[in-house]
PDB file of all heavy atoms in Angstrom:
ATOM      1  N   GLY A   1      85.180 147.146  99.472  1.00  0.00           N
ATOM      2  CA  GLY A   1      85.553 146.602  98.171  1.00  0.00           C
ATOM      3  C   GLY A   1      86.450 145.376  98.254  1.00  0.00           C
ATOM      4  O   GLY A   1      87.084 145.091  99.283  1.00  0.00           O
ATOM      5  N   ILE A   2      86.554 144.655  97.142  1.00  0.00           N
ATOM      6  CA  ILE A   2      87.337 143.420  97.098  1.00  0.00           C
ATOM      7  C   ILE A   2      88.803 143.693  97.414  1.00  0.00           C
ATOM      8  O   ILE A   2      89.435 142.972  98.203  1.00  0.00           O
ATOM      9  CB  ILE A   2      87.205 142.754  95.712  1.00  0.00           C
ATOM     10  CG1 ILE A   2      85.775 142.253  95.513  1.00  0.00           C
ATOM     11  CG2 ILE A   2      88.194 141.596  95.569  1.00  0.00           C
ATOM     12  CD1 ILE A   2      85.498 141.713  94.126  1.00  0.00           C
ATOM     13  N   GLY A   3      89.368 144.752  96.821  1.00  0.00           N
ATOM     14  CA  GLY A   3      90.773 145.069  97.075  1.00  0.00           C
ATOM     15  C   GLY A   3      91.058 145.326  98.542  1.00  0.00           C
ATOM     16  O   GLY A   3      92.076 144.874  99.083  1.00  0.00           O
ATOM     17  N   ALA A   4      90.142 146.062  99.194  1.00  0.00           N
ATOM     18  CA  ALA A   4      90.321 146.347 100.618  1.00  0.00           C
ATOM     19  C   ALA A   4      90.283 145.066 101.438  1.00  0.00           C
ATOM     20  O   ALA A   4      91.081 144.877 102.369  1.00  0.00           O
ATOM     21  CB  ALA A   4      89.229 147.310 101.097  1.00  0.00           C
ATOM     22  N   GLU A   5      89.369 144.173 101.097  1.00  0.00           N
ATOM     23  CA  GLU A   5      89.278 142.900 101.825  1.00  0.00           C
ATOM     24  C   GLU A   5      90.524 142.047 101.584  1.00  0.00           C
ATOM     25  O   GLU A   5      91.034 141.397 102.494  1.00  0.00           O
ATOM     26  CB  GLU A   5      88.015 142.144 101.404  1.00  0.00           C
ATOM     27  CG  GLU A   5      86.703 142.863 101.726  1.00  0.00           C
ATOM     28  CD  GLU A   5      86.470 143.069 103.219  1.00  0.00           C
ATOM     29  OE1 GLU A   5      87.118 142.374 104.037  1.00  0.00           O
ATOM     30  OE2 GLU A   5      85.633 143.924 103.571  1.00  0.00           O
ATOM     31  N   GLU A   6      91.012 142.067 100.367  1.00  0.00           N
ATOM     32  CA  GLU A   6      92.216 141.287 100.054  1.00  0.00           C
ATOM     33  C   GLU A   6      93.437 141.801 100.820  1.00  0.00           C
ATOM     34  O   GLU A   6      94.338 141.021 101.142  1.00  0.00           O
ATOM     35  CB  GLU A   6      92.490 141.343  98.551  1.00  0.00           C
ATOM     36  CG  GLU A   6      91.506 140.546  97.712  1.00  0.00           C
ATOM     37  CD  GLU A   6      91.733 140.708  96.228  1.00  0.00           C
ATOM     38  OE1 GLU A   6      92.402 141.698  95.821  1.00  0.00           O
ATOM     39  OE2 GLU A   6      91.251 139.854  95.462  1.00  0.00           O
ATOM     40  N   ARG A   7      93.455 143.085 101.104  1.00  0.00           N
ATOM     41  CA  ARG A   7      94.598 143.666 101.831  1.00  0.00           C
ATOM     42  C   ARG A   7      94.391 143.658 103.341  1.00  0.00           C
ATOM     43  O   ARG A   7      95.153 144.260 104.083  1.00  0.00           O
ATOM     44  CB  ARG A   7      94.860 145.092 101.337  1.00  0.00           C
ATOM     45  CG  ARG A   7      95.289 145.147  99.881  1.00  0.00           C
ATOM     46  CD  ARG A   7      95.897 146.478  99.512  1.00  0.00           C
ATOM     47  NE  ARG A   7      95.012 147.607  99.711  1.00  0.00           N
ATOM     48  CZ  ARG A   7      94.078 148.005  98.839  1.00  0.00           C
ATOM     49  NH1 ARG A   7      93.892 147.336  97.710  1.00  0.00           N
ATOM     50  NH2 ARG A   7      93.334 149.064  99.094  1.00  0.00           N
ATOM     51  N   GLY A   8      93.327 143.004 103.825  1.00  0.00           N
ATOM     52  CA  GLY A   8      93.167 142.805 105.266  1.00  0.00           C
ATOM     53  C   GLY A   8      92.391 143.887 105.974  1.00  0.00           C
ATOM     54  O   GLY A   8      92.810 144.359 107.036  1.00  0.00           O
ATOM     55  N   GLN A   9      91.237 144.258 105.419  1.00  0.00           N
ATOM     56  CA  GLN A   9      90.443 145.330 106.016  1.00  0.00           C
ATOM     57  C   GLN A   9      90.054 145.036 107.462  1.00  0.00           C
ATOM     58  O   GLN A   9      90.240 145.871 108.350  1.00  0.00           O
ATOM     59  CB  GLN A   9      89.175 145.559 105.171  1.00  0.00           C
ATOM     60  CG  GLN A   9      88.283 146.694 105.628  1.00  0.00           C
ATOM     61  CD  GLN A   9      88.868 148.064 105.360  1.00  0.00           C
ATOM     62  OE1 GLN A   9      89.835 148.471 106.030  1.00  0.00           O
ATOM     63  NE2 GLN A   9      88.319 148.784 104.414  1.00  0.00           N
ATOM     64  N   ALA A  10      89.514 143.854 107.729  1.00  0.00           N
ATOM     65  CA  ALA A  10      89.063 143.527 109.091  1.00  0.00           C
ATOM     66  C   ALA A  10      90.227 143.541 110.075  1.00  0.00           C
ATOM     67  O   ALA A  10      90.111 144.045 111.199  1.00  0.00           O
ATOM     68  CB  ALA A  10      88.377 142.164 109.102  1.00  0.00           C
ATOM     69  N   GLU A  11      91.362 142.995 109.648  1.00  0.00           N
ATOM     70  CA  GLU A  11      92.542 142.965 110.525  1.00  0.00           C
ATOM     71  C   GLU A  11      93.037 144.376 110.814  1.00  0.00           C
ATOM     72  O   GLU A  11      93.419 144.707 111.950  1.00  0.00           O
ATOM     73  CB  GLU A  11      93.638 142.127 109.848  1.00  0.00           C
ATOM     74  CG  GLU A  11      94.931 142.015 110.648  1.00  0.00           C
ATOM     75  CD  GLU A  11      95.994 143.006 110.223  1.00  0.00           C
ATOM     76  OE1 GLU A  11      95.780 143.770 109.254  1.00  0.00           O
ATOM     77  OE2 GLU A  11      97.053 143.036 110.871  1.00  0.00           O
ATOM     78  N   ALA A  12      93.013 145.245 109.787  1.00  0.00           N
ATOM     79  CA  ALA A  12      93.477 146.618 109.970  1.00  0.00           C
ATOM     80  C   ALA A  12      92.573 147.374 110.940  1.00  0.00           C
ATOM     81  O   ALA A  12      93.055 148.134 111.790  1.00  0.00           O
ATOM     82  CB  ALA A  12      93.528 147.331 108.617  1.00  0.00           C
ATOM     83  N   ILE A  13      91.261 147.162 110.827  1.00  0.00           N
ATOM     84  CA  ILE A  13      90.314 147.802 111.748  1.00  0.00           C
ATOM     85  C   ILE A  13      90.547 147.314 113.175  1.00  0.00           C
ATOM     86  O   ILE A  13      90.562 148.100 114.133  1.00  0.00           O
ATOM     87  CB  ILE A  13      88.866 147.531 111.298  1.00  0.00           C
ATOM     88  CG1 ILE A  13      88.558 148.305 110.015  1.00  0.00           C
ATOM     89  CG2 ILE A  13      87.867 147.891 112.397  1.00  0.00           C
ATOM     90  CD1 ILE A  13      87.227 147.960 109.385  1.00  0.00           C
ATOM     91  N   ALA A  14      90.749 146.012 113.329  1.00  0.00           N
ATOM     92  CA  ALA A  14      90.970 145.444 114.660  1.00  0.00           C
ATOM     93  C   ALA A  14      92.259 145.997 115.284  1.00  0.00           C
ATOM     94  O   ALA A  14      92.284 146.345 116.470  1.00  0.00           O
ATOM     95  CB  ALA A  14      91.043 143.923 114.578  1.00  0.00           C
ATOM     96  N   ARG A  15      93.312 146.100 114.481  1.00  0.00           N
ATOM     97  CA  ARG A  15      94.579 146.619 115.007  1.00  0.00           C
ATOM     98  C   ARG A  15      94.489 148.102 115.354  1.00  0.00           C
ATOM     99  O   ARG A  15      95.103 148.562 116.316  1.00  0.00           O
ATOM    100  CB  ARG A  15      95.706 146.370 114.012  1.00  0.00           C
ATOM    101  CG  ARG A  15      96.125 144.898 113.940  1.00  0.00           C
ATOM    102  CD  ARG A  15      97.397 144.705 113.135  1.00  0.00           C
ATOM    103  NE  ARG A  15      97.741 143.300 113.065  1.00  0.00           N
ATOM    104  CZ  ARG A  15      98.430 142.641 113.996  1.00  0.00           C
ATOM    105  NH1 ARG A  15      98.834 143.291 115.082  1.00  0.00           N
ATOM    106  NH2 ARG A  15      98.712 141.367 113.857  1.00  0.00           N
ATOM    107  N   SER A  16      93.714 148.835 114.586  1.00  0.00           N
ATOM    108  CA  SER A  16      93.532 150.244 114.897  1.00  0.00           C
ATOM    109  C   SER A  16      92.748 150.415 116.202  1.00  0.00           C
ATOM    110  O   SER A  16      93.088 151.262 117.042  1.00  0.00           O
ATOM    111  CB  SER A  16      92.792 150.942 113.749  1.00  0.00           C
ATOM    112  OG  SER A  16      92.658 152.322 113.992  1.00  0.00           O
ATOM    113  N   THR A  17      91.713 149.601 116.378  1.00  0.00           N
ATOM    114  CA  THR A  17      90.945 149.635 117.632  1.00  0.00           C
ATOM    115  C   THR A  17      91.835 149.270 118.816  1.00  0.00           C
ATOM    116  O   THR A  17      91.786 149.909 119.879  1.00  0.00           O
ATOM    117  CB  THR A  17      89.747 148.670 117.554  1.00  0.00           C
ATOM    118  OG1 THR A  17      88.986 148.945 116.387  1.00  0.00           O
ATOM    119  CG2 THR A  17      88.857 148.796 118.775  1.00  0.00           C
ATOM    120  N   ALA A  18      92.677 148.242 118.636  1.00  0.00           N
ATOM    121  CA  ALA A  18      93.589 147.830 119.702  1.00  0.00           C
ATOM    122  C   ALA A  18      94.598 148.932 120.009  1.00  0.00           C
ATOM    123  O   ALA A  18      94.947 149.162 121.179  1.00  0.00           O
ATOM    124  CB  ALA A  18      94.312 146.547 119.292  1.00  0.00           C
ATOM    125  N   ALA A  19      95.063 149.636 118.974  1.00  0.00           N
ATOM    126  CA  ALA A  19      96.011 150.726 119.192  1.00  0.00           C
ATOM    127  C   ALA A  19      95.372 151.852 120.003  1.00  0.00           C
ATOM    128  O   ALA A  19      96.020 152.464 120.865  1.00  0.00           O
ATOM    129  CB  ALA A  19      96.515 151.260 117.852  1.00  0.00           C
ATOM    130  N   CYS A  20      94.092 152.137 119.722  1.00  0.00           N
ATOM    131  CA  CYS A  20      93.360 153.135 120.520  1.00  0.00           C
ATOM    132  C   CYS A  20      93.330 152.736 121.992  1.00  0.00           C
ATOM    133  O   CYS A  20      93.568 153.562 122.887  1.00  0.00           O
ATOM    134  CB  CYS A  20      91.930 153.274 120.007  1.00  0.00           C
ATOM    135  SG  CYS A  20      91.710 154.081 118.424  1.00  0.00           S
ATOM    136  N   LEU A  21      93.029 151.467 122.256  1.00  0.00           N
ATOM    137  CA  LEU A  21      92.921 150.991 123.634  1.00  0.00           C
ATOM    138  C   LEU A  21      94.269 150.996 124.351  1.00  0.00           C
ATOM    139  O   LEU A  21      94.338 151.150 125.570  1.00  0.00           O
ATOM    140  CB  LEU A  21      92.341 149.579 123.647  1.00  0.00           C
ATOM    141  CG  LEU A  21      90.844 149.461 123.341  1.00  0.00           C
ATOM    142  CD1 LEU A  21      90.460 148.009 123.101  1.00  0.00           C
ATOM    143  CD2 LEU A  21      90.011 150.058 124.472  1.00  0.00           C
ATOM    144  N   ALA A  22      95.359 150.816 123.589  1.00  0.00           N
ATOM    145  CA  ALA A  22      96.686 150.699 124.193  1.00  0.00           C
ATOM    146  C   ALA A  22      97.324 152.041 124.515  1.00  0.00           C
ATOM    147  O   ALA A  22      98.323 152.097 125.238  1.00  0.00           O
ATOM    148  CB  ALA A  22      97.599 149.902 123.263  1.00  0.00           C
ATOM    149  N   LEU A  23      96.773 153.138 123.994  1.00  0.00           N
ATOM    150  CA  LEU A  23      97.385 154.458 124.207  1.00  0.00           C
ATOM    151  C   LEU A  23      97.541 154.787 125.690  1.00  0.00           C
ATOM    152  O   LEU A  23      96.628 154.568 126.483  1.00  0.00           O
ATOM    153  CB  LEU A  23      96.531 155.544 123.546  1.00  0.00           C
ATOM    154  CG  LEU A  23      96.583 155.673 122.026  1.00  0.00           C
ATOM    155  CD1 LEU A  23      95.510 156.651 121.557  1.00  0.00           C
ATOM    156  CD2 LEU A  23      97.961 156.126 121.563  1.00  0.00           C
ATOM    157  N   LYS A  24      98.693 155.359 126.035  1.00  0.00           N
ATOM    158  CA  LYS A  24      98.915 155.828 127.400  1.00  0.00           C
ATOM    159  C   LYS A  24      98.793 157.344 127.503  1.00  0.00           C
ATOM    160  O   LYS A  24      99.096 157.920 128.545  1.00  0.00           O
ATOM    161  CB  LYS A  24     100.285 155.371 127.884  1.00  0.00           C
ATOM    162  CG  LYS A  24     100.385 153.858 128.081  1.00  0.00           C
ATOM    163  CD  LYS A  24     101.736 153.466 128.661  1.00  0.00           C
ATOM    164  CE  LYS A  24     101.821 151.961 128.867  1.00  0.00           C
ATOM    165  NZ  LYS A  24     103.136 151.553 129.425  1.00  0.00           N
ATOM    166  N   VAL A  25      98.369 157.957 126.415  1.00  0.00           N
ATOM    167  CA  VAL A  25      98.118 159.402 126.414  1.00  0.00           C
ATOM    168  C   VAL A  25      96.613 159.627 126.314  1.00  0.00           C
ATOM    169  O   VAL A  25      95.881 158.763 125.826  1.00  0.00           O
ATOM    170  CB  VAL A  25      98.838 160.097 125.236  1.00  0.00           C
ATOM    171  CG1 VAL A  25     100.348 159.999 125.407  1.00  0.00           C
ATOM    172  CG2 VAL A  25      98.405 159.508 123.895  1.00  0.00           C
ATOM    173  N   PRO A  26      96.112 160.764 126.782  1.00  0.00           N
ATOM    174  CA  PRO A  26      94.668 161.031 126.705  1.00  0.00           C
ATOM    175  C   PRO A  26      94.194 161.061 125.257  1.00  0.00           C
ATOM    176  O   PRO A  26      94.902 161.554 124.362  1.00  0.00           O
ATOM    177  CB  PRO A  26      94.528 162.412 127.349  1.00  0.00           C
ATOM    178  CG  PRO A  26      95.753 162.577 128.181  1.00  0.00           C
ATOM    179  CD  PRO A  26      96.837 161.843 127.474  1.00  0.00           C
ATOM    180  N   SER A  27      92.998 160.548 125.019  1.00  0.00           N
ATOM    181  CA  SER A  27      92.425 160.567 123.676  1.00  0.00           C
ATOM    182  C   SER A  27      90.972 161.008 123.743  1.00  0.00           C
ATOM    183  O   SER A  27      90.237 160.614 124.643  1.00  0.00           O
ATOM    184  CB  SER A  27      92.531 159.190 123.018  1.00  0.00           C
ATOM    185  OG  SER A  27      91.865 158.203 123.782  1.00  0.00           O
ATOM    186  N   VAL A  28      90.593 161.836 122.784  1.00  0.00           N
ATOM    187  CA  VAL A  28      89.218 162.338 122.684  1.00  0.00           C
ATOM    188  C   VAL A  28      88.738 162.127 121.259  1.00  0.00           C
ATOM    189  O   VAL A  28      89.419 162.524 120.304  1.00  0.00           O
ATOM    190  CB  VAL A  28      89.121 163.836 123.052  1.00  0.00           C
ATOM    191  CG1 VAL A  28      87.704 164.357 122.815  1.00  0.00           C
ATOM    192  CG2 VAL A  28      89.547 164.063 124.492  1.00  0.00           C
ATOM    193  N   ALA A  29      87.588 161.487 121.109  1.00  0.00           N
ATOM    194  CA  ALA A  29      86.988 161.269 119.788  1.00  0.00           C
ATOM    195  C   ALA A  29      85.729 162.113 119.669  1.00  0.00           C
ATOM    196  O   ALA A  29      84.980 162.270 120.628  1.00  0.00           O
ATOM    197  CB  ALA A  29      86.648 159.793 119.584  1.00  0.00           C
ATOM    198  N   VAL A  30      85.505 162.660 118.470  1.00  0.00           N
ATOM    199  CA  VAL A  30      84.306 163.444 118.203  1.00  0.00           C
ATOM    200  C   VAL A  30      83.621 162.887 116.960  1.00  0.00           C
ATOM    201  O   VAL A  30      84.235 162.809 115.895  1.00  0.00           O
ATOM    202  CB  VAL A  30      84.625 164.932 117.975  1.00  0.00           C
ATOM    203  CG1 VAL A  30      83.327 165.728 117.826  1.00  0.00           C
ATOM    204  CG2 VAL A  30      85.479 165.493 119.097  1.00  0.00           C
ATOM    205  N   VAL A  31      82.359 162.497 117.099  1.00  0.00           N
ATOM    206  CA  VAL A  31      81.575 162.063 115.940  1.00  0.00           C
ATOM    207  C   VAL A  31      80.967 163.321 115.319  1.00  0.00           C
ATOM    208  O   VAL A  31      80.084 163.946 115.897  1.00  0.00           O
ATOM    209  CB  VAL A  31      80.466 161.067 116.343  1.00  0.00           C
ATOM    210  CG1 VAL A  31      79.707 160.599 115.095  1.00  0.00           C
ATOM    211  CG2 VAL A  31      81.054 159.877 117.085  1.00  0.00           C
ATOM    212  N   LEU A  32      81.472 163.683 114.144  1.00  0.00           N
ATOM    213  CA  LEU A  32      81.078 164.938 113.499  1.00  0.00           C
ATOM    214  C   LEU A  32      79.778 164.820 112.709  1.00  0.00           C
ATOM    215  O   LEU A  32      78.972 165.740 112.686  1.00  0.00           O
ATOM    216  CB  LEU A  32      82.179 165.408 112.550  1.00  0.00           C
ATOM    217  CG  LEU A  32      83.572 165.625 113.140  1.00  0.00           C
ATOM    218  CD1 LEU A  32      84.541 166.011 112.028  1.00  0.00           C
ATOM    219  CD2 LEU A  32      83.538 166.694 114.222  1.00  0.00           C
ATOM    220  N   GLY A  33      79.619 163.699 112.011  1.00  0.00           N
ATOM    221  CA  GLY A  33      78.448 163.494 111.163  1.00  0.00           C
ATOM    222  C   GLY A  33      77.968 162.070 111.278  1.00  0.00           C
ATOM    223  O   GLY A  33      77.176 161.735 112.142  1.00  0.00           O
ATOM    224  N   GLU A  34      78.476 161.212 110.410  1.00  0.00           N
ATOM    225  CA  GLU A  34      78.162 159.783 110.476  1.00  0.00           C
ATOM    226  C   GLU A  34      79.271 159.037 111.214  1.00  0.00           C
ATOM    227  O   GLU A  34      80.451 159.222 110.926  1.00  0.00           O
ATOM    228  CB  GLU A  34      78.043 159.194 109.072  1.00  0.00           C
ATOM    229  CG  GLU A  34      76.782 159.555 108.337  1.00  0.00           C
ATOM    230  CD  GLU A  34      76.659 158.796 107.019  1.00  0.00           C
ATOM    231  OE1 GLU A  34      77.285 159.216 106.039  1.00  0.00           O
ATOM    232  OE2 GLU A  34      75.942 157.774 106.989  1.00  0.00           O
ATOM    233  N   GLY A  35      78.881 158.181 112.128  1.00  0.00           N
ATOM    234  CA  GLY A  35      79.822 157.261 112.758  1.00  0.00           C
ATOM    235  C   GLY A  35      79.369 155.869 112.402  1.00  0.00           C
ATOM    236  O   GLY A  35      78.500 155.294 113.062  1.00  0.00           O
ATOM    237  N   GLY A  36      79.906 155.325 111.319  1.00  0.00           N
ATOM    238  CA  GLY A  36      79.394 154.080 110.792  1.00  0.00           C
ATOM    239  C   GLY A  36      80.251 152.865 111.056  1.00  0.00           C
ATOM    240  O   GLY A  36      81.401 152.798 110.625  1.00  0.00           O
ATOM    241  N   SER A  37      79.729 151.920 111.819  1.00  0.00           N
ATOM    242  CA  SER A  37      80.273 150.572 111.964  1.00  0.00           C
ATOM    243  C   SER A  37      81.725 150.553 112.451  1.00  0.00           C
ATOM    244  O   SER A  37      82.185 151.454 113.124  1.00  0.00           O
ATOM    245  CB  SER A  37      80.120 149.846 110.628  1.00  0.00           C
ATOM    246  OG  SER A  37      80.340 148.469 110.760  1.00  0.00           O
ATOM    247  N   GLY A  38      82.447 149.472 112.097  1.00  0.00           N
ATOM    248  CA  GLY A  38      83.840 149.336 112.511  1.00  0.00           C
ATOM    249  C   GLY A  38      84.727 150.411 111.944  1.00  0.00           C
ATOM    250  O   GLY A  38      85.756 150.752 112.518  1.00  0.00           O
ATOM    251  N   GLY A  39      84.323 150.971 110.806  1.00  0.00           N
ATOM    252  CA  GLY A  39      85.089 152.058 110.220  1.00  0.00           C
ATOM    253  C   GLY A  39      85.187 153.253 111.142  1.00  0.00           C
ATOM    254  O   GLY A  39      86.168 154.006 111.103  1.00  0.00           O
ATOM    255  N   ALA A  40      84.175 153.451 111.991  1.00  0.00           N
ATOM    256  CA  ALA A  40      84.187 154.546 112.954  1.00  0.00           C
ATOM    257  C   ALA A  40      84.891 154.139 114.245  1.00  0.00           C
ATOM    258  O   ALA A  40      85.762 154.854 114.747  1.00  0.00           O
ATOM    259  CB  ALA A  40      82.755 154.988 113.258  1.00  0.00           C
ATOM    260  N   ILE A  41      84.519 152.979 114.783  1.00  0.00           N
ATOM    261  CA  ILE A  41      85.060 152.570 116.086  1.00  0.00           C
ATOM    262  C   ILE A  41      86.568 152.379 116.031  1.00  0.00           C
ATOM    263  O   ILE A  41      87.260 152.496 117.048  1.00  0.00           O
ATOM    264  CB  ILE A  41      84.365 151.280 116.580  1.00  0.00           C
ATOM    265  CG1 ILE A  41      84.567 151.100 118.102  1.00  0.00           C
ATOM    266  CG2 ILE A  41      84.842 150.059 115.835  1.00  0.00           C
ATOM    267  CD1 ILE A  41      83.850 152.111 118.941  1.00  0.00           C
ATOM    268  N   ALA A  42      87.120 152.130 114.836  1.00  0.00           N
ATOM    269  CA  ALA A  42      88.555 151.920 114.678  1.00  0.00           C
ATOM    270  C   ALA A  42      89.371 153.117 115.135  1.00  0.00           C
ATOM    271  O   ALA A  42      90.530 152.969 115.535  1.00  0.00           O
ATOM    272  CB  ALA A  42      88.888 151.594 113.225  1.00  0.00           C
TER     273      ALA A  42
END
């Protein structure tokens, strides 16, 4: 939506993905149903 884009949706997704990569603790992701686009990879 427009509001989400105005508040920096792409930047927020990118920072969340970067935070995942920066973790020094073990992480496990499970795709339960739909894993759609950047919204999932974040």
